Protein backbone atom coordinates (compact mmCIF):
# COMPACT_ATOMS: atom_id res chain seq x y z
CA UNK A 1 147.77 81.13 241.83
CA UNK A 2 144.08 80.45 241.34
CA UNK A 3 143.34 84.12 242.10
CA UNK A 4 145.91 85.17 239.50
CA UNK A 5 144.45 82.78 236.90
CA UNK A 6 141.00 84.17 237.57
CA UNK A 7 142.26 87.76 237.16
CA UNK A 8 144.00 86.80 233.92
CA UNK A 9 140.87 85.11 232.63
CA UNK A 10 138.83 88.15 233.51
CA UNK A 11 141.27 90.46 231.69
CA UNK A 12 141.24 88.22 228.66
CA UNK A 13 137.44 88.12 228.52
CA UNK A 14 137.22 91.93 229.03
CA UNK A 15 139.83 92.45 226.18
CA UNK A 16 137.97 90.09 223.82
CA UNK A 17 134.81 91.99 224.56
CA UNK A 18 136.37 95.26 223.76
CA UNK A 19 137.79 93.97 220.39
CA UNK A 20 134.30 92.64 219.57
CA UNK A 21 132.82 96.04 220.40
CA UNK A 22 135.43 97.83 218.21
CA UNK A 23 134.86 95.61 215.14
CA UNK A 24 133.64 98.00 212.35
CA UNK A 25 130.14 97.37 211.10
CA UNK A 26 129.67 96.43 207.48
CA UNK A 27 129.04 99.34 205.16
CA UNK A 28 125.62 99.62 203.60
CA UNK A 29 125.55 98.81 199.90
CA UNK A 30 125.81 101.67 197.44
CA UNK A 31 122.70 101.39 195.12
CA UNK A 32 122.36 103.13 191.83
CA UNK A 33 119.32 103.13 189.55
CA UNK A 34 120.04 103.61 185.79
CA UNK A 35 117.15 104.44 183.53
CA UNK A 36 117.80 103.47 179.91
CA UNK A 37 115.58 104.47 176.96
CA UNK A 38 116.38 101.09 175.54
CA UNK A 39 118.45 98.16 176.48
CA UNK A 40 119.92 95.67 174.07
CA UNK A 41 119.45 92.49 175.95
CA UNK A 42 122.25 90.23 174.74
CA UNK A 43 120.86 87.28 176.63
CA UNK A 44 117.48 87.24 174.72
CA UNK A 45 118.40 89.32 171.66
CA UNK A 46 115.49 91.62 172.52
CA UNK A 47 115.36 95.36 172.74
CA UNK A 48 113.87 96.25 176.14
CA UNK A 49 112.25 99.67 176.27
CA UNK A 50 112.13 101.98 179.33
CA UNK A 51 114.54 99.72 181.11
CA UNK A 52 115.73 100.18 184.71
CA UNK A 53 119.01 98.64 185.89
CA UNK A 54 119.62 98.34 189.64
CA UNK A 55 123.29 98.38 190.57
CA UNK A 56 124.48 97.47 194.02
CA UNK A 57 128.15 98.13 194.60
CA UNK A 58 129.91 96.52 191.60
CA UNK A 59 127.20 94.12 190.49
CA UNK A 60 123.90 94.18 188.79
CA UNK A 61 121.01 93.52 191.18
CA UNK A 62 117.95 93.71 189.00
CA UNK A 63 116.89 94.52 185.36
CA UNK A 64 113.30 95.41 184.70
CA UNK A 65 111.06 97.30 182.26
CA UNK A 66 109.01 100.32 183.41
CA UNK A 67 108.48 101.74 186.96
CA UNK A 68 110.62 104.25 188.57
CA UNK A 69 113.47 104.64 191.13
CA UNK A 70 112.53 105.05 194.90
CA UNK A 71 112.22 108.59 196.14
CA UNK A 72 115.65 110.12 196.85
CA UNK A 73 117.61 107.28 195.27
CA UNK A 74 120.81 107.81 193.32
CA UNK A 75 119.78 107.71 189.71
CA UNK A 76 121.58 107.99 186.31
CA UNK A 77 119.29 109.30 183.58
CA UNK A 78 120.04 107.56 180.23
CA UNK A 79 116.46 107.77 179.03
CA UNK A 80 117.53 109.21 175.71
CA UNK A 81 120.18 106.55 175.34
CA UNK A 82 120.54 102.92 174.17
CA UNK A 83 122.29 100.80 176.82
CA UNK A 84 124.25 97.62 176.21
CA UNK A 85 126.91 95.52 178.02
CA UNK A 86 130.41 96.81 178.29
CA UNK A 87 132.21 95.95 175.03
CA UNK A 88 135.02 93.31 174.93
CA UNK A 89 138.14 93.70 172.61
CA UNK A 90 139.73 90.26 172.43
CA UNK A 91 142.80 91.36 170.62
CA UNK A 92 144.68 94.45 171.78
CA UNK A 93 148.26 95.63 172.53
CA UNK A 94 148.34 98.38 175.19
CA UNK A 95 152.17 98.46 175.20
CA UNK A 96 152.22 99.19 171.33
CA UNK A 97 151.36 102.54 169.89
CA UNK A 98 150.84 101.93 166.25
CA UNK A 99 153.32 100.41 163.71
CA UNK A 100 151.99 101.40 160.25
CA UNK A 101 155.57 100.90 159.03
CA UNK A 102 158.28 98.48 160.15
CA UNK A 103 160.34 101.42 161.25
CA UNK A 104 157.70 102.51 163.73
CA UNK A 105 157.95 99.09 165.43
CA UNK A 106 161.81 99.18 165.55
CA UNK A 107 161.79 102.65 167.10
CA UNK A 108 159.52 101.50 169.93
CA UNK A 109 161.70 98.53 170.82
CA UNK A 110 165.06 100.21 170.31
CA UNK A 111 164.52 103.86 171.49
CA UNK A 112 161.89 103.54 174.18
CA UNK A 113 162.46 102.05 177.54
CA UNK A 114 160.12 99.52 178.95
CA UNK A 115 159.30 101.92 181.77
CA UNK A 116 158.37 104.63 179.20
CA UNK A 117 156.37 102.13 177.29
CA UNK A 118 154.44 101.14 180.42
CA UNK A 119 153.64 104.79 181.04
CA UNK A 120 152.18 105.06 177.53
CA UNK A 121 150.32 101.79 178.10
CA UNK A 122 148.40 103.32 181.06
CA UNK A 123 147.08 105.88 178.66
CA UNK A 124 146.11 103.26 176.14
CA UNK A 125 144.33 101.30 178.84
CA UNK A 126 142.42 104.47 179.82
CA UNK A 127 141.41 105.20 176.25
CA UNK A 128 140.18 101.66 175.76
CA UNK A 129 137.90 102.03 178.80
CA UNK A 130 136.68 105.44 177.71
CA UNK A 131 135.85 104.07 174.20
CA UNK A 132 133.57 101.59 175.99
CA UNK A 133 135.66 98.53 176.12
CA UNK A 134 135.42 97.30 179.77
CA UNK A 135 137.33 94.05 179.14
CA UNK A 136 140.17 93.36 176.85
CA UNK A 137 142.42 90.50 176.01
CA UNK A 138 145.94 91.90 175.54
CA UNK A 139 147.80 89.81 173.09
CA UNK A 140 151.41 90.34 173.95
CA UNK A 141 153.77 93.18 175.09
CA UNK A 142 155.87 93.29 171.83
CA UNK A 143 159.22 93.35 173.48
CA UNK A 144 158.17 94.94 176.83
CA UNK A 145 158.56 91.77 178.85
CA UNK A 146 155.88 91.08 181.46
CA UNK A 147 154.74 94.72 181.79
CA UNK A 148 151.24 93.74 180.82
CA UNK A 149 150.90 91.82 184.08
CA UNK A 150 151.80 95.02 185.98
CA UNK A 151 149.30 97.10 183.99
CA UNK A 152 146.55 94.55 184.73
CA UNK A 153 147.54 94.55 188.50
CA UNK A 154 147.53 98.42 188.57
CA UNK A 155 143.98 98.41 187.11
CA UNK A 156 142.76 95.74 189.51
CA UNK A 157 144.17 97.60 192.48
CA UNK A 158 142.74 100.85 191.48
CA UNK A 159 146.05 102.58 190.75
CA UNK A 160 145.01 103.45 187.10
CA UNK A 161 141.73 103.29 185.28
CA UNK A 162 141.42 100.62 182.57
CA UNK A 163 139.46 97.60 181.44
CA UNK A 164 139.49 94.25 182.93
CA UNK A 165 142.44 92.44 181.32
CA UNK A 166 143.56 88.98 180.23
CA UNK A 167 147.18 88.97 179.28
CA UNK A 168 149.60 86.81 177.34
CA UNK A 169 152.94 88.50 178.23
CA UNK A 170 155.59 87.78 175.60
CA UNK A 171 154.14 85.44 173.03
CA UNK A 172 156.17 82.76 171.33
CA UNK A 173 158.01 82.29 167.90
CA UNK A 174 160.96 80.48 166.60
CA UNK A 175 164.53 81.52 165.88
CA UNK A 176 164.80 83.84 162.81
CA UNK A 177 161.06 84.43 162.32
CA UNK A 178 160.13 87.64 164.28
CA UNK A 179 161.40 91.25 164.37
CA UNK A 180 163.65 92.78 165.13
CA UNK A 181 165.29 91.52 161.99
CA UNK A 182 167.83 92.83 159.41
CA UNK A 183 170.57 93.92 161.82
CA UNK A 184 174.15 92.88 161.51
CA UNK A 185 174.78 89.46 163.25
CA UNK A 186 177.15 90.91 165.76
CA UNK A 187 174.66 93.61 166.89
CA UNK A 188 172.42 92.07 169.63
CA UNK A 189 168.90 93.49 169.23
CA UNK A 190 165.62 92.75 171.23
CA UNK A 191 162.89 90.67 169.81
CA UNK A 192 159.20 91.34 170.13
CA UNK A 193 158.58 87.74 171.30
CA UNK A 194 160.13 85.04 173.41
CA UNK A 195 162.09 82.77 171.16
CA UNK A 196 161.73 79.02 171.69
CA UNK A 197 162.80 76.02 169.57
CA UNK A 198 161.92 72.32 169.95
CA UNK A 199 159.14 70.74 171.80
CA UNK A 200 160.92 70.73 175.12
CA UNK A 201 162.22 74.30 174.81
CA UNK A 202 158.71 75.53 173.98
CA UNK A 203 157.16 73.62 176.87
CA UNK A 204 159.64 75.41 179.20
CA UNK A 205 158.77 78.80 177.72
CA UNK A 206 155.08 78.09 178.33
CA UNK A 207 155.80 77.23 181.95
CA UNK A 208 157.84 80.24 182.45
CA UNK A 209 155.24 82.56 181.00
CA UNK A 210 152.46 81.07 183.18
CA UNK A 211 154.78 81.41 186.24
CA UNK A 212 155.09 85.13 185.55
CA UNK A 213 151.32 85.80 185.15
CA UNK A 214 150.22 84.84 181.55
CA UNK A 215 146.48 84.18 181.40
CA UNK A 216 146.85 82.91 177.81
CA UNK A 217 149.68 81.71 175.68
CA UNK A 218 150.14 83.24 172.24
CA UNK A 219 151.99 81.70 169.26
CA UNK A 220 153.03 83.12 165.90
CA UNK A 221 152.38 80.28 163.55
CA UNK A 222 153.24 81.67 160.15
CA UNK A 223 155.22 84.41 158.23
CA UNK A 224 156.33 85.50 154.80
CA UNK A 225 152.98 85.73 153.00
CA UNK A 226 152.40 85.21 149.20
CA UNK A 227 149.12 85.49 147.45
CA UNK A 228 149.04 82.76 144.81
CA UNK A 229 147.28 83.05 141.44
CA UNK A 230 144.52 80.74 142.64
CA UNK A 231 143.56 83.24 145.39
CA UNK A 232 145.15 81.20 148.21
CA UNK A 233 147.32 83.18 150.76
CA UNK A 234 150.32 80.99 151.27
CA UNK A 235 152.93 81.28 153.98
CA UNK A 236 155.97 79.78 155.67
CA UNK A 237 154.96 78.03 158.83
CA UNK A 238 157.11 78.85 161.91
CA UNK A 239 156.72 76.13 164.55
CA UNK A 240 156.69 72.41 163.52
CA UNK A 241 153.44 70.61 164.32
CA UNK A 242 155.32 68.76 167.10
CA UNK A 243 156.42 72.13 168.61
CA UNK A 244 152.75 73.57 168.31
CA UNK A 245 151.33 70.43 169.91
CA UNK A 246 153.80 70.61 172.82
CA UNK A 247 152.81 74.30 173.40
CA UNK A 248 149.13 73.58 173.39
CA UNK A 249 149.49 70.39 175.48
CA UNK A 250 151.49 72.23 178.09
CA UNK A 251 149.15 75.20 178.26
CA UNK A 252 146.01 73.06 178.35
CA UNK A 253 147.61 70.85 180.93
CA UNK A 254 147.91 73.98 183.17
CA UNK A 255 144.38 75.03 182.19
CA UNK A 256 145.53 77.95 180.08
CA UNK A 257 144.25 78.58 176.56
CA UNK A 258 146.31 79.31 173.38
CA UNK A 259 145.79 82.03 170.84
CA UNK A 260 147.55 81.61 167.39
CA UNK A 261 148.53 84.45 165.15
CA UNK A 262 147.77 82.69 161.85
CA UNK A 263 147.27 84.65 158.67
CA UNK A 264 147.45 82.06 155.95
CA UNK A 265 147.15 78.47 154.73
CA UNK A 266 149.75 76.57 156.66
CA UNK A 267 149.78 78.59 159.87
CA UNK A 268 146.07 78.30 160.24
CA UNK A 269 146.05 74.53 159.37
CA UNK A 270 148.86 73.62 161.79
CA UNK A 271 147.14 75.66 164.53
CA UNK A 272 143.85 73.88 164.03
CA UNK A 273 145.52 70.49 163.89
CA UNK A 274 147.41 71.37 167.25
CA UNK A 275 144.05 72.31 168.87
CA UNK A 276 144.56 76.05 169.66
CA UNK A 277 141.60 77.88 171.21
CA UNK A 278 141.55 80.91 168.85
CA UNK A 279 142.86 81.93 165.40
CA UNK A 280 143.91 85.46 165.28
CA UNK A 281 143.61 87.47 162.06
CA UNK A 282 142.94 84.52 159.77
CA UNK A 283 143.20 86.47 156.51
CA UNK A 284 142.89 83.18 154.58
CA UNK A 285 141.32 80.04 156.06
CA UNK A 286 140.73 76.98 153.93
CA UNK A 287 137.25 75.52 153.85
CA UNK A 288 138.41 72.20 155.46
CA UNK A 289 139.99 74.20 158.39
CA UNK A 290 136.81 76.23 158.86
CA UNK A 291 134.91 73.01 159.17
CA UNK A 292 137.54 71.70 161.61
CA UNK A 293 137.33 74.92 163.69
CA UNK A 294 133.50 74.46 163.95
CA UNK A 295 133.92 70.87 164.94
CA UNK A 296 136.71 71.63 167.59
CA UNK A 297 135.04 74.89 168.80
CA UNK A 298 137.91 77.06 167.83
CA UNK A 299 137.28 80.74 167.78
CA UNK A 300 137.96 83.21 164.96
CA UNK A 301 139.18 86.71 165.94
CA UNK A 302 139.39 88.46 162.58
CA UNK A 303 140.90 92.01 163.26
CA UNK A 304 139.78 93.42 159.92
CA UNK A 305 140.58 97.10 160.32
CA UNK A 306 144.28 96.73 161.12
CA UNK A 307 144.98 95.08 157.76
CA UNK A 308 143.59 98.09 155.95
CA UNK A 309 145.49 100.37 158.31
CA UNK A 310 148.84 98.60 157.82
CA UNK A 311 148.29 98.29 154.06
CA UNK A 312 148.48 102.10 153.77
CA UNK A 313 152.06 102.16 155.14
CA UNK A 314 153.61 98.90 154.14
CA UNK A 315 152.37 98.25 150.62
CA UNK A 316 153.58 94.87 149.15
CA UNK A 317 151.18 91.99 149.71
CA UNK A 318 149.16 93.94 152.34
CA UNK A 319 146.68 95.60 150.02
CA UNK A 320 145.82 92.34 148.23
CA UNK A 321 145.33 90.67 151.61
CA UNK A 322 142.54 93.15 152.48
CA UNK A 323 140.16 91.63 149.96
CA UNK A 324 141.15 88.08 150.78
CA UNK A 325 140.50 88.78 154.44
CA UNK A 326 137.06 90.26 153.68
CA UNK A 327 136.16 87.13 151.60
CA UNK A 328 137.34 84.82 154.34
CA UNK A 329 135.32 86.61 156.99
CA UNK A 330 132.21 86.51 154.90
CA UNK A 331 132.62 82.75 154.37
CA UNK A 332 133.29 82.14 158.08
CA UNK A 333 130.14 83.89 159.08
CA UNK A 334 128.10 82.02 156.56
CA UNK A 335 129.55 78.62 157.66
CA UNK A 336 128.93 79.40 161.41
CA UNK A 337 132.53 79.63 162.72
CA UNK A 338 132.46 81.19 166.19
CA UNK A 339 133.47 84.80 165.88
CA UNK A 340 134.78 87.04 168.71
CA UNK A 341 135.43 90.83 168.23
CA UNK A 342 139.10 91.84 168.22
CA UNK A 343 140.79 94.80 166.62
CA UNK A 344 144.64 94.62 167.18
CA UNK A 345 144.46 98.15 168.60
CA UNK A 346 148.06 99.12 169.34
CA UNK A 347 148.88 97.74 165.88
CA UNK A 348 147.05 100.95 164.90
CA UNK A 349 147.06 104.25 166.75
CA UNK A 350 145.25 104.22 170.02
CA UNK A 351 143.72 107.63 169.16
CA UNK A 352 141.56 105.58 166.68
CA UNK A 353 138.44 104.22 168.43
CA UNK A 354 138.65 100.42 168.01
CA UNK A 355 134.91 100.43 167.39
CA UNK A 356 135.91 101.31 163.79
CA UNK A 357 135.92 97.50 163.50
CA UNK A 358 132.06 97.18 163.72
CA UNK A 359 131.12 98.68 160.37
CA UNK A 360 133.75 96.51 158.48
CA UNK A 361 132.20 93.36 160.17
CA UNK A 362 128.83 94.52 158.83
CA UNK A 363 130.28 95.39 155.51
CA UNK A 364 131.61 91.90 155.12
CA UNK A 365 128.46 89.91 156.05
CA UNK A 366 127.46 90.21 159.72
CA UNK A 367 124.21 91.87 160.80
CA UNK A 368 124.67 94.67 163.36
CA UNK A 369 123.17 92.42 165.93
CA UNK A 370 125.78 89.71 165.21
CA UNK A 371 128.64 92.26 165.33
CA UNK A 372 127.48 93.58 168.72
CA UNK A 373 127.15 90.03 169.94
CA UNK A 374 130.62 89.26 168.97
CA UNK A 375 131.84 92.01 171.26
CA UNK A 376 129.63 91.02 174.22
CA UNK A 377 128.33 87.41 174.68
CA UNK A 378 130.86 85.87 172.32
CA UNK A 379 133.80 87.74 173.81
CA UNK A 380 132.80 86.69 177.28
CA UNK A 381 132.53 83.08 176.19
CA UNK A 382 136.00 83.18 174.48
CA UNK A 383 137.54 84.50 177.69
CA UNK A 384 135.53 81.98 179.83
CA UNK A 385 133.98 84.93 181.73
CA UNK A 386 130.42 84.39 180.72
CA UNK A 387 129.35 84.18 184.36
CA UNK A 388 130.73 87.68 185.04
CA UNK A 389 130.36 89.79 181.84
CA UNK A 390 128.85 89.94 178.37
CA UNK A 391 125.19 90.59 179.25
CA UNK A 392 123.26 93.03 181.50
CA UNK A 393 121.67 90.69 184.04
CA UNK A 394 121.47 90.29 187.74
CA UNK A 395 124.59 88.82 189.40
CA UNK A 396 127.09 89.99 186.74
CA UNK A 397 129.52 92.94 186.93
CA UNK A 398 127.86 96.30 186.29
CA UNK A 399 129.66 96.80 183.08
CA UNK A 400 127.40 99.04 181.03
CA UNK A 401 127.75 101.46 178.10
CA UNK A 402 125.44 103.67 176.34
CA UNK A 403 125.07 105.67 173.12
CA UNK A 404 122.61 108.11 171.67
CA UNK A 405 120.75 106.42 168.84
CA UNK A 406 120.14 102.78 167.74
CA UNK A 407 123.23 100.86 166.90
CA UNK A 408 121.14 98.13 165.25
CA UNK A 409 120.13 100.76 162.76
CA UNK A 410 123.53 102.36 162.37
CA UNK A 411 126.45 100.36 163.76
CA UNK A 412 128.89 103.31 163.35
CA UNK A 413 127.40 105.09 166.38
CA UNK A 414 129.30 102.67 168.57
CA UNK A 415 132.25 104.93 167.90
CA UNK A 416 130.42 107.58 169.87
CA UNK A 417 129.82 105.90 173.07
CA UNK A 418 129.22 108.65 175.76
CA UNK A 419 128.49 106.62 179.00
CA UNK A 420 130.82 103.91 180.53
CA UNK A 421 130.33 102.12 183.71
CA UNK A 422 132.66 99.42 184.76
CA UNK A 423 132.04 97.48 187.99
CA UNK A 424 129.46 100.03 189.12
CA UNK A 425 131.83 103.01 188.69
CA UNK A 426 131.07 105.63 186.13
CA UNK A 427 134.14 106.64 183.89
CA UNK A 428 132.24 108.59 181.26
CA UNK A 429 129.01 110.53 181.18
CA UNK A 430 127.03 112.10 178.36
């Protein structure tokens, strides 16, 4: 028996030794040197000339000025370009393909399967990345269930190209407030949101969405807008304050932030009172609510362009809202409200570069530097990803874009980005 035990032990040791020898060695890091003619340093607000960015695998290893790459090293020559961090769009809808009219929206929900919409969404995600947006927050699927979670997963696993994504899945609204509407009572139709009523019902909906993969919770806080003679954009609030507070409390209890679609007086006020994390659109925000937003650290994601786009097809109060929105944005910038870049892409055609938002932000009171910061540093902070993205510095993801020219002198050239790197992988070259 002792002999057999010794033989067994010898075989075990030999086998272990063989497995140890067969263990694959770690692959050497892939190092790339990027030479930028200029780098917009979002950490210091400086313009760094003749900048070199060393990328190791998916992260930035070093940023320096001057010098050269080692002989024979893999290099990318952007010496005639201005480099900046990958852009962040904090309000998109990859599963929506433009709804300039209400009929466009109905067609997508009634005549397109969720599978087909998901296929189209893969193309929207690819376009977003090629436009230079290496991270997006996708603010609901508009009737396509939890397909945004699958799109996010497909990107993360390398099945399809696309930006880093934060998703909200279905969004929330109350009975009778969200399309599809106007159909006969006996005809069941889908809705673009998950309906919830009452504080307990809305808590349950939040739990369900988080269970199925939501990173954020989104609420629709108002509807039915009217521009009063005194210039105030009035509305009908959707959720009661108790319902909104329950949603925010449940989401925050589970460490998930809340975004509120709030266009006008009551929707914004109730959202601020409930303690949401971001106001989306905010065509009209009362001064008192702006002050409360500053005090509570609530973000403003204005989405200026989509209002102009929709006004062309819908008429009604929409054209008047464009001016109100511009005035609100200007005041928010002057007062110091925290602003993050968001476009509502998907609410307008994905063939339109979302960077069309930048010149409108400048038109209504931001400097080009502030506008770019809203889509880099500020966007990263809103998404609580500031340790990973938002600036070009050592330790962060190698999310880098470049453009020929100086966007601080001409913000419109951000609609002509010709180099895109996300996580050390190049998706677009000059």
